[in-house]
Amino acid sequence: MLIEIHMLKNFAPTNLNRDDTGSPKSCVFGGVQRGRISSQCLKRSWRTSAILKKEVGSVIGKRTRRLPELVTEELKKRGVAEKYLPLVERKLTGIANKDGTENKEGNWTAQVVLYAPEDIQAVAQAVQEQIASAGNREAFEKVTAKQLEKAVKGAGTRPISLDIALFGRMVTSDAFANVEASMQVAHAISTNRVVMETDFFTAMDDLIEGTQEVGSSMMGDIDYNSSCYYIYASLDTEKLAENLKYAENPTELVKKTVPALLHTMAYTNPTGKQNTFAGHSLPSAVLVECKDCPVPVSYANAFVQPVYSTQETDLIDSSVKRLTEFAEQTDHDFDLPIKKRFLFCAGGKRKMKNADNCGSFSTLVEGVEACLAE
C-alpha cells in the first residue's frame, strides 16, 4: 500500500533551516520566492525525534563518522583487553573508505554512515575474531583496515534499523548493505510568497548600570521569515516490509511505524534557532491518502499561485481551502484509485468530498491504522 501524507503547518517568525549564509532556506516556485525546509532537515528532525523512539522502541540507528568509538565501547563490554582498543580505533578509521586509508588526524571515518545497532555488533564481532586469530598485539597491529572490513559478514541478511528502512542508505562498503528508501520526502515549501526579514539585536552588560559606561556590549542580526509550509511525503509499506524482513516481528513493526510517523510528523519541528524563536507549531490540516496503486501525487501545484490573506480569510484558511479543492479536482480529473482518504482540519473548518472527515487528529490516525490492517 502507498500512504501519502499532505500536511500544512503555519509558523510565526522562525529560522528552522539555514543556508550557508545563515538565512532561512528559500526557493523560487511559480515564479515567486518561497520559504523552504529541505527534505534532509525534515528527515533528520523525524528520525531523531523522541516521539518516534518512544513509539517504535530502540530500533533507530546512529548516523556518524565515529564508528571506531562505537565499536570500542562494544568491545569493552565484551571484555576485550584495553591494550587492543587504541589499535582498533585507528584501524577502523579506514572502514567505508575506498582505499582503506587510516585517518591520522583522529578516530573518525572518511564517510558519515547511518549504522543500525546490528552493524556495530557485526563490526565488533569481526574485530574480536581477528584479535583472537592474531593472538597478540604485535600480530594484530599488522591487520589492515581492509582486512577488518572484509571480515565483517552478513551485510545482506543483517537486520537494519527503522530509519534506514524508511530513508535508505548508500555506502561504499561491502560490510554494510545499501538500502533503497521506502519513504520519499519533498522539500517543504511555503504556500505564501516569502518576505525575508532581519532581527537586529543588542546585548547589554548587567554590571554597567550606575557606571559611566553606556551602550551595548555587542550587536548582531538574525534573518527569519514567517511561512505556512506544505509538507508532502509518501510511504510504500510493501517496500518498508521488504527492508525490515530480517527484523524481529517485521509485520508488527510496520503496523507500529505508520501511526508513529504520523505523530512524529505532526508533533516534531526542525530544531534550527528554536531557542531564539520557539517555532513549535502543530499542523493546521492533515490529508492522508491510502492507495493500492503505486502512483504518488504531490499537491504542491495547488500553491503554484501563492496564497494571500484577505479581509475575509487568513493565510491558514486560504491554504487549507486551496489544498482540499486541488485534491478534489485532481481526483475528478484523473480518477486515481484511492482506497481511502482521511482529512483532519484543526477546528473542523473544512471538509472534503469522498473523504473521511475526521473530527480529531487521533481519529485520522486510527482510520489510517484500520485501512492498513485491511
Protein backbone atom coordinates (compact mmCIF):
# COMPACT_ATOMS: atom_id res chain seq x y z
CA MET A 1 0.00 0.00 0.00
CA LEU A 2 1.10 3.55 -0.73
CA ILE A 3 0.37 6.02 2.06
CA GLU A 4 0.66 9.70 1.10
CA ILE A 5 0.79 12.39 3.74
CA HIS A 6 -0.03 16.03 2.96
CA MET A 7 0.38 18.49 5.81
CA LEU A 8 0.08 22.26 6.31
CA LYS A 9 1.99 23.95 9.13
CA ASN A 10 1.94 27.69 9.75
CA PHE A 11 4.87 29.26 11.61
CA ALA A 12 5.34 32.62 13.25
CA PRO A 13 8.83 34.18 12.74
CA THR A 14 11.38 31.34 12.60
CA ASN A 15 14.66 30.26 11.03
CA LEU A 16 14.11 26.49 11.02
CA ASN A 17 16.58 25.52 8.28
CA ARG A 18 19.52 27.78 7.39
CA ASP A 19 21.57 28.12 4.22
CA ASP A 20 25.32 28.78 4.09
CA THR A 21 24.80 32.46 4.95
CA GLY A 22 22.63 31.76 8.00
CA SER A 23 19.41 32.87 6.29
CA PRO A 24 16.30 30.67 6.15
CA LYS A 25 16.40 28.47 3.05
CA SER A 26 14.24 29.57 0.15
CA CYS A 27 13.41 28.70 -3.45
CA VAL A 28 11.53 30.08 -6.44
CA PHE A 29 8.26 28.30 -7.19
CA GLY A 30 5.62 29.60 -9.58
CA GLY A 31 7.95 32.48 -10.37
CA VAL A 32 7.77 33.67 -6.75
CA GLN A 33 10.22 33.33 -3.86
CA ARG A 34 9.06 30.86 -1.19
CA GLY A 35 10.29 29.71 2.17
CA ARG A 36 11.78 26.22 2.07
CA ILE A 37 12.72 23.47 4.52
CA SER A 38 14.93 20.83 2.93
CA SER A 39 13.87 17.19 2.94
CA GLN A 40 17.17 16.34 4.67
CA CYS A 41 16.26 18.69 7.52
CA LEU A 42 12.76 17.23 7.84
CA LYS A 43 14.00 13.64 7.81
CA ARG A 44 16.62 14.34 10.45
CA SER A 45 14.09 16.03 12.73
CA TRP A 46 11.79 13.00 12.37
CA ARG A 47 14.36 10.21 12.73
CA THR A 48 15.91 11.82 15.83
CA SER A 49 12.53 12.65 17.37
CA ALA A 50 11.86 11.41 20.90
CA ILE A 51 8.29 10.71 19.76
CA LEU A 52 9.41 8.20 17.12
CA LYS A 53 11.76 6.46 19.55
CA LYS A 54 9.06 6.27 22.20
CA GLU A 55 6.50 4.72 19.84
CA VAL A 56 8.68 2.20 17.99
CA GLY A 57 11.31 1.44 20.62
CA SER A 58 15.10 1.42 20.28
CA VAL A 59 15.20 0.44 16.60
CA ILE A 60 16.76 3.72 15.45
CA GLY A 61 20.31 3.89 14.08
CA LYS A 62 23.19 6.32 14.50
CA ARG A 63 24.45 8.50 11.64
CA THR A 64 28.06 9.21 12.43
CA ARG A 65 31.73 9.20 11.49
CA ARG A 66 32.52 7.92 14.99
CA LEU A 67 32.25 4.22 14.18
CA PRO A 68 35.60 3.44 15.89
CA GLU A 69 34.27 4.81 19.21
CA LEU A 70 31.04 2.83 18.97
CA VAL A 71 32.91 -0.40 18.24
CA THR A 72 35.49 0.02 21.00
CA GLU A 73 32.67 0.69 23.51
CA GLU A 74 31.11 -2.61 22.43
CA LEU A 75 34.46 -4.41 22.69
CA LYS A 76 34.90 -3.12 26.25
CA LYS A 77 31.54 -4.68 27.15
CA ARG A 78 32.77 -7.95 25.63
CA GLY A 79 35.88 -7.90 27.81
CA VAL A 80 38.48 -7.31 25.08
CA ALA A 81 41.84 -6.25 26.58
CA GLU A 82 42.42 -2.47 26.79
CA LYS A 83 45.76 -2.77 25.00
CA TYR A 84 43.99 -3.56 21.71
CA LEU A 85 41.48 -0.71 21.76
CA PRO A 86 43.72 2.18 20.55
CA LEU A 87 44.79 -0.02 17.62
CA VAL A 88 41.19 -0.92 16.86
CA GLU A 89 40.12 2.74 16.84
CA ARG A 90 42.91 3.71 14.45
CA LYS A 91 42.31 0.81 12.07
CA LEU A 92 38.54 1.30 11.92
CA THR A 93 39.01 4.85 10.60
CA GLY A 94 39.76 3.13 7.29
CA ILE A 95 36.35 1.41 7.17
CA ALA A 96 33.99 2.63 4.41
CA ASN A 97 36.95 4.36 2.79
CA LYS A 98 37.56 3.37 -0.83
CA ASP A 99 41.28 2.72 -0.44
CA GLY A 100 41.15 1.72 3.24
CA THR A 101 43.47 4.55 4.30
CA GLU A 102 43.52 5.14 8.05
CA ASN A 103 42.83 8.61 9.39
CA LYS A 104 45.94 10.04 11.03
CA GLU A 105 44.16 13.13 12.36
CA GLY A 106 41.59 11.46 14.63
CA ASN A 107 39.34 8.48 15.31
CA TRP A 108 36.69 9.20 12.72
CA THR A 109 35.94 7.67 9.32
CA ALA A 110 36.05 9.38 5.93
CA GLN A 111 32.32 8.80 5.36
CA VAL A 112 29.38 9.63 7.57
CA VAL A 113 27.24 6.48 7.59
CA LEU A 114 23.91 5.56 9.17
CA TYR A 115 24.54 2.42 11.24
CA ALA A 116 21.99 0.04 12.73
CA PRO A 117 22.80 -1.40 16.18
CA GLU A 118 23.38 -4.76 14.45
CA ASP A 119 26.03 -3.14 12.22
CA ILE A 120 28.03 -2.13 15.28
CA GLN A 121 27.69 -5.66 16.69
CA ALA A 122 28.86 -7.19 13.38
CA VAL A 123 31.96 -4.99 13.18
CA ALA A 124 32.78 -5.68 16.84
CA GLN A 125 32.43 -9.42 16.24
CA ALA A 126 34.77 -9.29 13.24
CA VAL A 127 37.36 -7.31 15.18
CA GLN A 128 37.13 -9.65 18.16
CA GLU A 129 37.68 -12.66 15.90
CA GLN A 130 40.68 -11.00 14.24
CA ILE A 131 42.21 -10.22 17.63
CA ALA A 132 41.73 -13.84 18.71
CA SER A 133 43.21 -15.09 15.44
CA ALA A 134 46.25 -12.78 15.75
CA GLY A 135 46.93 -13.98 19.27
CA ASN A 136 48.90 -10.95 20.41
CA ARG A 137 49.05 -7.17 19.97
CA GLU A 138 52.07 -7.21 17.65
CA ALA A 139 50.41 -9.61 15.21
CA PHE A 140 47.11 -7.71 15.32
CA GLU A 141 48.93 -4.47 14.50
CA LYS A 142 49.71 -5.94 11.06
CA VAL A 143 46.00 -6.44 10.25
CA THR A 144 44.82 -3.74 7.83
CA ALA A 145 41.54 -1.80 7.76
CA LYS A 146 40.64 -3.57 4.51
CA GLN A 147 41.12 -6.96 6.15
CA LEU A 148 38.89 -5.94 9.04
CA GLU A 149 36.26 -4.67 6.61
CA LYS A 150 36.29 -7.93 4.64
CA ALA A 151 35.91 -9.87 7.88
CA VAL A 152 32.53 -8.21 8.60
CA LYS A 153 29.95 -10.76 7.45
CA GLY A 154 26.23 -10.86 6.75
CA ALA A 155 25.60 -7.43 5.22
CA GLY A 156 22.81 -8.79 3.01
CA THR A 157 20.91 -10.56 5.79
CA ARG A 158 21.69 -8.36 8.77
CA PRO A 159 18.69 -6.52 10.31
CA ILE A 160 18.63 -2.79 9.67
CA SER A 161 17.18 -0.04 11.82
CA LEU A 162 13.81 1.55 11.10
CA ASP A 163 15.25 4.88 9.97
CA ILE A 164 17.47 3.10 7.42
CA ALA A 165 14.43 1.14 6.20
CA LEU A 166 12.47 4.40 5.85
CA PHE A 167 15.03 6.82 4.45
CA GLY A 168 17.54 4.48 2.84
CA ARG A 169 21.32 4.23 2.98
CA MET A 170 24.09 4.48 0.41
CA VAL A 171 27.57 3.39 1.46
CA THR A 172 30.69 2.38 -0.48
CA SER A 173 31.50 -0.66 1.64
CA ASP A 174 30.58 -4.34 1.29
CA ALA A 175 30.42 -4.54 5.10
CA PHE A 176 27.08 -2.70 5.06
CA ALA A 177 24.08 -3.10 2.77
CA ASN A 178 22.85 -0.33 0.50
CA VAL A 179 19.14 0.21 1.17
CA GLU A 180 16.57 1.83 -1.10
CA ALA A 181 14.29 4.18 0.84
CA SER A 182 10.67 3.18 1.37
CA MET A 183 9.71 6.79 2.13
CA GLN A 184 10.08 9.77 -0.18
CA VAL A 185 10.07 13.25 1.35
CA ALA A 186 9.69 16.51 -0.58
CA HIS A 187 11.26 19.83 0.36
CA ALA A 188 8.59 21.73 2.25
CA ILE A 189 7.66 24.99 0.51
CA SER A 190 5.65 27.93 1.73
CA THR A 191 2.16 28.35 0.31
CA ASN A 192 2.71 32.11 0.53
CA ARG A 193 5.21 34.45 -1.04
CA VAL A 194 8.01 34.75 1.49
CA VAL A 195 9.30 38.07 2.83
CA MET A 196 12.73 37.73 4.39
CA GLU A 197 13.31 39.90 7.45
CA THR A 198 16.21 40.62 9.79
CA ASP A 199 16.17 40.99 13.56
CA PHE A 200 18.80 43.50 14.73
CA PHE A 201 19.62 42.91 18.38
CA THR A 202 21.94 44.24 21.08
CA ALA A 203 23.19 42.67 24.31
CA MET A 204 23.53 44.72 27.47
CA ASP A 205 26.07 44.19 30.26
CA ASP A 206 24.21 43.75 33.57
CA LEU A 207 27.10 45.26 35.56
CA ILE A 208 27.40 48.66 33.85
CA GLU A 209 24.26 50.09 35.46
CA GLY A 210 25.22 53.08 37.59
CA THR A 211 28.64 53.46 35.96
CA GLN A 212 29.93 55.91 33.40
CA GLU A 213 29.89 53.22 30.71
CA VAL A 214 27.00 53.40 28.24
CA GLY A 215 25.84 51.50 25.18
CA SER A 216 25.53 47.83 24.32
CA SER A 217 28.21 45.21 24.78
CA MET A 218 27.53 43.60 21.42
CA MET A 219 25.31 43.89 18.35
CA GLY A 220 24.16 41.31 15.85
CA ASP A 221 21.40 40.24 13.49
CA ILE A 222 19.39 37.09 12.67
CA ASP A 223 17.41 36.51 9.48
CA TYR A 224 13.93 34.99 9.72
CA ASN A 225 10.60 34.67 7.96
CA SER A 226 7.03 33.64 8.67
CA SER A 227 5.54 30.99 6.39
CA CYS A 228 2.80 28.41 6.02
CA TYR A 229 4.53 25.26 4.74
CA TYR A 230 3.13 22.47 2.60
CA ILE A 231 4.79 19.19 3.63
CA TYR A 232 4.49 16.06 1.48
CA ALA A 233 5.77 12.51 1.94
CA SER A 234 4.86 9.10 0.55
CA LEU A 235 5.44 5.74 2.22
CA ASP A 236 5.49 2.42 0.35
CA THR A 237 4.52 -0.05 3.09
CA GLU A 238 5.46 -3.07 0.95
CA LYS A 239 8.96 -1.69 0.42
CA LEU A 240 9.17 -0.91 4.14
CA ALA A 241 8.21 -4.51 4.97
CA GLU A 242 10.81 -5.79 2.49
CA ASN A 243 13.51 -3.60 4.06
CA LEU A 244 12.58 -4.87 7.53
CA LYS A 245 12.27 -8.56 6.62
CA TYR A 246 15.23 -9.56 8.81
CA ALA A 247 14.00 -7.54 11.80
CA GLU A 248 12.23 -9.08 14.76
CA ASN A 249 8.44 -9.12 14.10
CA PRO A 250 8.61 -7.05 10.87
CA THR A 251 4.84 -7.12 10.31
CA GLU A 252 4.18 -5.71 13.76
CA LEU A 253 6.91 -3.11 13.29
CA VAL A 254 5.33 -1.85 10.06
CA LYS A 255 1.96 -1.53 11.83
CA LYS A 256 3.58 0.50 14.62
CA THR A 257 5.58 2.63 12.20
CA VAL A 258 2.66 4.22 10.31
CA PRO A 259 0.92 5.84 13.32
CA ALA A 260 4.32 6.65 14.83
CA LEU A 261 5.29 8.51 11.65
CA LEU A 262 2.05 10.46 11.60
CA HIS A 263 2.51 11.51 15.22
CA THR A 264 6.17 12.39 14.60
CA MET A 265 5.44 14.49 11.53
CA ALA A 266 2.63 16.33 13.30
CA TYR A 267 4.35 16.97 16.63
CA THR A 268 8.00 17.43 15.59
CA ASN A 269 9.57 20.53 14.02
CA PRO A 270 13.12 21.24 12.82
CA THR A 271 15.46 22.42 15.57
CA GLY A 272 17.02 25.43 13.79
CA LYS A 273 17.15 28.54 16.03
CA GLN A 274 14.43 27.16 18.31
CA ASN A 275 15.99 28.74 21.40
CA THR A 276 15.64 32.10 19.66
CA PHE A 277 12.20 31.73 18.02
CA ALA A 278 10.44 28.78 19.75
CA GLY A 279 8.79 27.79 16.46
CA HIS A 280 6.68 24.92 17.77
CA SER A 281 3.63 24.61 15.53
CA LEU A 282 1.04 21.89 15.11
CA PRO A 283 -0.47 21.15 11.68
CA SER A 284 -3.46 23.17 10.55
CA ALA A 285 -4.51 20.37 8.20
CA VAL A 286 -3.52 16.76 7.56
CA LEU A 287 -4.65 14.86 4.47
CA VAL A 288 -3.73 11.17 4.18
CA GLU A 289 -4.48 9.08 1.11
CA CYS A 290 -4.15 5.29 1.01
CA LYS A 291 -3.64 3.73 -2.43
CA ASP A 292 -3.30 0.20 -3.68
CA CYS A 293 -1.65 1.54 -6.85
CA PRO A 294 1.93 2.87 -6.73
CA VAL A 295 1.13 6.31 -8.19
CA PRO A 296 2.36 9.01 -5.80
CA VAL A 297 1.00 12.52 -6.41
CA SER A 298 2.18 15.71 -4.71
CA TYR A 299 -0.30 18.57 -4.40
CA ALA A 300 2.40 21.25 -4.43
CA ASN A 301 0.89 22.71 -7.61
CA ALA A 302 -2.11 23.77 -5.55
CA PHE A 303 0.16 26.63 -4.49
CA VAL A 304 1.81 27.49 -7.82
CA GLN A 305 -0.01 30.80 -7.35
CA PRO A 306 0.87 31.94 -3.83
CA VAL A 307 -1.84 32.19 -1.21
CA TYR A 308 -2.64 35.54 0.39
CA SER A 309 -4.64 36.54 3.42
CA THR A 310 -7.63 38.83 2.82
CA GLN A 311 -10.17 40.67 4.93
CA GLU A 312 -12.44 37.62 4.72
CA THR A 313 -9.92 34.80 5.29
CA ASP A 314 -6.49 34.30 6.80
CA LEU A 315 -3.43 32.57 5.32
CA ILE A 316 -4.16 29.24 7.03
CA ASP A 317 -7.79 29.03 5.89
CA SER A 318 -6.85 30.05 2.35
CA SER A 319 -4.10 27.40 2.24
CA VAL A 320 -6.40 24.65 3.54
CA LYS A 321 -9.08 25.64 1.02
CA ARG A 322 -6.56 25.60 -1.84
CA LEU A 323 -5.22 22.17 -0.82
CA THR A 324 -8.59 20.46 -0.45
CA GLU A 325 -10.03 21.94 -3.64
CA PHE A 326 -6.94 20.91 -5.62
CA ALA A 327 -7.14 17.37 -4.23
CA GLU A 328 -10.82 17.13 -5.18
CA GLN A 329 -10.12 18.46 -8.67
CA THR A 330 -7.23 16.02 -9.16
CA ASP A 331 -9.50 13.19 -8.03
CA HIS A 332 -12.13 14.26 -10.55
CA ASP A 333 -9.67 14.76 -13.44
CA PHE A 334 -7.60 11.60 -13.06
CA ASP A 335 -9.86 9.21 -11.15
CA LEU A 336 -6.93 7.73 -9.25
CA PRO A 337 -7.84 4.53 -7.38
CA ILE A 338 -7.62 5.91 -3.86
CA LYS A 339 -8.70 3.25 -1.40
CA LYS A 340 -9.31 5.67 1.46
CA ARG A 341 -8.82 9.38 2.07
CA PHE A 342 -8.72 10.95 5.54
CA LEU A 343 -8.84 14.68 6.28
CA PHE A 344 -8.34 16.45 9.57
CA CYS A 345 -8.60 20.24 9.77
CA ALA A 346 -7.98 21.96 13.08
CA GLY A 347 -11.27 23.44 14.24
CA GLY A 348 -13.18 21.42 11.63
CA LYS A 349 -13.26 24.38 9.27
CA ARG A 350 -13.04 22.41 6.04
CA LYS A 351 -14.47 19.15 4.67
CA MET A 352 -13.87 17.16 1.50
CA LYS A 353 -15.99 15.02 -0.76
CA ASN A 354 -15.04 11.32 -0.97
CA ALA A 355 -13.11 11.57 2.28
CA ASP A 356 -13.45 10.55 5.90
CA ASN A 357 -13.63 13.98 7.53
CA CYS A 358 -12.11 13.37 10.94
CA GLY A 359 -13.05 15.43 13.97
CA SER A 360 -9.64 14.98 15.58
CA PHE A 361 -6.12 14.06 14.61
CA SER A 362 -6.38 10.89 16.70
CA THR A 363 -9.40 9.81 14.67
CA LEU A 364 -7.41 10.30 11.46
CA VAL A 365 -4.54 8.17 12.77
CA GLU A 366 -6.94 5.43 13.87
CA GLY A 367 -8.58 5.47 10.43
CA VAL A 368 -5.24 5.07 8.66
CA GLU A 369 -4.31 2.20 11.00
CA ALA A 370 -7.61 0.45 10.23
CA CYS A 371 -7.08 0.90 6.48
CA LEU A 372 -3.58 -0.59 6.75
CA ALA A 373 -4.93 -3.54 8.76
CA GLU A 374 -7.42 -4.36 6.00
